[in-house]
Protein backbone atom coordinates (compact mmCIF):
# COMPACT_ATOMS: atom_id res chain seq x y z
CA MET A 1 89.46 94.28 123.56
CA ARG A 2 87.34 95.68 120.78
CA ARG A 3 83.60 95.54 121.23
CA ARG A 4 82.45 92.75 119.06
CA TYR A 5 79.40 94.04 117.20
CA ARG A 6 79.82 97.79 117.03
CA ARG A 7 81.58 97.93 113.69
CA SER A 8 79.45 99.67 111.14
CA ARG A 9 81.42 98.62 108.08
CA GLY A 10 82.77 95.10 108.13
CA ALA A 11 84.59 93.53 105.23
CA GLY A 12 82.08 91.77 103.07
CA SER A 13 78.32 92.05 102.81
CA ALA A 14 75.47 91.45 100.42
CA ASP A 15 77.33 93.68 97.96
CA VAL A 16 80.83 92.27 98.37
CA ARG A 17 82.40 94.68 95.91
CA ILE A 18 81.18 97.80 97.65
CA GLN A 19 81.78 96.59 101.22
CA GLY A 20 85.11 94.98 100.32
CA PHE A 21 86.17 98.22 98.72
CA ARG A 22 85.22 100.19 101.85
CA ALA A 23 87.29 97.95 104.13
CA ALA A 24 90.17 98.05 101.65
CA GLN A 25 89.93 101.84 101.40
CA ARG A 26 90.00 102.06 105.21
CA LEU A 27 93.16 99.95 105.08
CA ILE A 28 94.74 102.22 102.44
CA ASP A 29 93.79 105.36 104.36
CA LEU A 30 95.21 104.08 107.65
CA ALA A 31 98.41 102.82 106.00
CA ASN A 32 98.90 106.22 104.33
CA ALA A 33 98.22 107.95 107.65
CA VAL A 34 100.95 105.86 109.31
CA ARG A 35 103.36 106.73 106.51
CA THR A 36 102.64 110.42 107.09
CA HIS A 37 102.44 110.19 110.91
CA PRO A 38 104.61 107.21 111.98
CA ASP A 39 103.44 107.44 115.60
CA LEU A 40 99.74 107.46 114.52
CA PRO A 41 98.56 110.05 117.04
CA ARG A 42 95.02 109.89 118.37
CA ASP A 43 94.09 113.16 116.62
CA VAL A 44 94.87 111.48 113.27
CA ALA A 45 93.56 107.96 113.95
CA VAL A 46 90.20 108.80 115.53
CA PRO A 47 88.86 111.08 112.76
CA LEU A 48 90.11 108.64 110.13
CA LEU A 49 88.34 105.68 111.77
CA ALA A 50 85.22 107.79 112.31
CA SER A 51 85.20 108.71 108.61
CA HIS A 52 85.06 104.98 107.90
CA GLY A 53 82.02 104.49 110.10
CA GLU A 54 83.44 103.62 113.51
CA SER A 55 81.08 104.76 116.26
CA PRO A 56 82.06 107.53 118.71
CA GLN A 57 81.73 105.15 121.69
CA ASP A 58 84.30 102.82 120.09
CA LEU A 59 86.75 105.68 119.63
CA THR A 60 86.97 106.92 123.21
CA GLU A 61 90.29 106.65 125.05
CA THR A 62 88.82 103.78 127.06
CA ALA A 63 87.70 101.77 124.01
CA LEU A 64 90.71 102.69 121.86
CA SER A 65 93.66 102.92 124.24
CA ASP A 66 97.17 104.15 123.46
CA THR A 67 98.25 100.50 123.39
CA ASP A 68 95.49 99.77 120.85
CA LEU A 69 96.73 102.67 118.73
CA ARG A 70 100.31 101.34 118.78
CA ARG A 71 99.10 97.88 117.78
CA LEU A 72 96.88 99.36 115.08
CA ARG A 73 99.87 101.30 113.74
CA ASP A 74 101.95 98.11 113.68
CA ALA A 75 99.12 96.30 111.89
CA ALA A 76 98.98 99.05 109.26
CA LEU A 77 102.74 98.73 108.76
CA LYS A 78 102.36 94.98 108.32
CA MET A 79 99.63 95.48 105.73
CA THR A 80 101.78 98.07 103.95
CA ARG A 81 104.13 95.26 102.98
CA ILE A 82 101.23 93.59 101.17
CA LEU A 83 100.03 96.87 99.66
CA THR A 84 103.46 97.49 98.12
CA GLU A 85 103.84 93.94 96.79
CA THR A 86 103.70 94.10 93.00
CA ASP A 87 103.62 90.35 92.37
CA THR A 88 100.08 88.99 92.63
CA ASP A 89 101.18 85.50 93.70
CA ARG A 90 103.34 86.89 96.51
CA ALA A 91 100.53 89.23 97.56
CA ALA A 92 98.10 86.28 97.65
CA THR A 93 100.55 84.26 99.77
CA ALA A 94 100.97 87.16 102.20
CA LEU A 95 97.18 87.60 102.42
CA ASN A 96 96.74 83.88 103.14
CA GLU A 97 99.37 84.10 105.90
CA THR A 98 97.66 87.15 107.41
CA LEU A 99 94.26 85.45 107.33
CA ALA A 100 95.73 82.29 108.89
CA ASP A 101 97.33 84.33 111.69
CA HIS A 102 94.49 86.76 112.43
CA ALA A 103 91.17 85.55 111.06
CA ALA A 104 88.59 83.18 112.46
CA ALA A 105 86.05 81.05 110.67
CA PRO A 106 83.79 83.31 108.60
CA ARG A 107 80.46 84.13 110.15
CA LEU A 108 77.47 86.12 109.05
CA SER A 109 76.58 89.05 111.26
CA ARG A 110 73.80 91.62 111.34
CA HIS A 111 74.09 94.50 113.79
CA ASP A 112 73.53 98.23 114.19
CA GLY A 113 70.87 98.27 111.48
CA HIS A 114 73.19 96.87 108.81
CA PRO A 115 72.24 93.96 106.56
CA TRP A 116 73.83 90.54 106.91
CA HIS A 117 77.53 90.68 106.17
CA LEU A 118 80.65 88.61 106.65
CA HIS A 119 83.00 88.91 109.62
CA VAL A 120 86.28 87.01 109.90
CA ASP A 121 87.70 88.60 113.02
CA ARG A 122 87.73 86.61 116.23
CA HIS A 123 85.04 87.42 118.81
CA ASP A 124 87.69 88.67 121.23
CA ALA A 125 89.74 90.50 118.58
CA GLY A 126 91.43 93.72 119.51
CA TRP A 127 91.71 96.62 117.11
CA ALA A 128 94.87 95.31 115.41
CA ASP A 129 93.59 91.77 114.81
CA TRP A 130 90.25 93.14 113.60
CA PHE A 131 92.08 95.48 111.22
CA LEU A 132 94.38 92.74 109.90
CA ALA A 133 91.56 90.21 109.42
CA SER A 134 89.09 92.61 107.79
CA GLY A 135 91.77 94.27 105.66
CA ALA A 136 93.17 90.95 104.43
CA LEU A 137 89.67 89.70 103.62
CA ALA A 138 88.89 92.89 101.69
CA LEU A 139 92.09 92.66 99.64
CA ALA A 140 91.51 88.94 99.04
CA GLN A 141 88.01 89.69 97.73
CA ILE A 142 89.37 92.36 95.39
CA LEU A 143 92.22 90.11 94.22
CA THR A 144 89.82 87.26 93.41
CA GLU A 145 87.41 89.57 91.63
CA HIS A 146 90.08 91.22 89.46
CA GLY A 147 92.54 88.33 89.23
CA ARG A 148 95.41 90.55 90.30
CA ALA A 149 96.59 92.89 93.03
CA THR A 150 94.93 96.18 92.09
CA TRP A 151 96.65 98.19 94.82
CA GLY A 152 100.12 99.61 95.08
CA GLU A 153 102.44 102.49 95.75
CA CYS A 154 102.37 105.51 93.45
CA ALA A 155 104.98 105.26 90.68
CA ALA A 156 105.50 109.03 90.49
CA PRO A 157 108.99 110.11 91.60
CA GLY A 158 108.93 111.35 95.18
CA CYS A 159 105.43 110.07 95.94
CA ARG A 160 104.92 107.09 98.24
CA THR A 161 101.13 107.30 98.52
CA LEU A 162 99.35 103.95 98.52
CA TYR A 163 96.32 103.58 96.27
CA LEU A 164 93.51 101.15 95.59
CA GLY A 165 92.64 100.64 91.94
CA THR A 166 89.52 98.61 91.25
CA GLY A 167 88.28 100.10 88.01
CA PRO A 168 88.35 98.54 84.57
CA GLY A 169 91.20 98.99 82.17
CA SER A 170 94.93 98.91 82.56
CA PRO A 171 96.44 98.41 86.00
CA ARG A 172 96.75 101.65 87.91
CA ARG A 173 100.24 103.01 88.65
CA TYR A 174 99.59 106.38 90.25
CA CYS A 175 97.70 107.57 93.31
CA SER A 176 96.05 110.46 91.48
CA THR A 177 95.66 112.11 88.10
CA THR A 178 98.00 114.85 89.38
CA CYS A 179 100.84 112.37 89.92
CA ALA A 180 100.10 110.62 86.62
CA SER A 181 100.19 113.93 84.71
CA ARG A 182 103.34 115.07 86.48
CA ALA A 183 105.09 111.78 85.63
CA ARG A 184 103.99 111.94 81.96
CA VAL A 185 105.20 115.53 81.61
CA ALA A 186 108.56 114.67 83.22
CA GLU A 187 108.97 111.66 80.90
CA HIS A 188 108.06 113.78 77.86
CA ARG A 189 110.63 116.43 78.85
CA ARG A 190 113.26 113.76 79.45
CA ARG A 191 112.68 112.27 75.96
CA LYS A 192 112.85 115.71 74.34
CA ARG A 193 116.24 116.38 75.99
CA THR A 194 117.66 113.10 74.65
């Protein structure tokens, strides 16, 4: 069981956009890590979670067991299905299902010197349920703010990196400017040949 009030960055806070983005970015980073390392080894998971503000005492082998890591990996795979969904209505339905299955009634929490913020994980939630509830809430906040799913899988040939696009302008299609440039150059060359 995950310690209830040790999380330093929950989904939602006084600045919903910033906190929601952090929880969503944690989700993207973990999902990409699982795509790169399907077994999600401890030496990949722990530094990643620490970079997103998880405390060292919550990342010990006692607090984050091998079973927790397997469940966390499975949760990331489940969320990957939402992150690759291109239809906003289907993404919203999947988010609602995830929240119904893994979230509890929203509650305000203030701990570890952080301001009041929203938690939707159950008090006895393990790592996987916490990850699913907070990740789904973060994506739901972003979807409602932007009116669409702003995340996805890179459209560049050969790249499967997941991204989170929350900026203004046209919907994002690539994980990086490198992939976007490479795709534009390839398309330009293809048109020149034909």
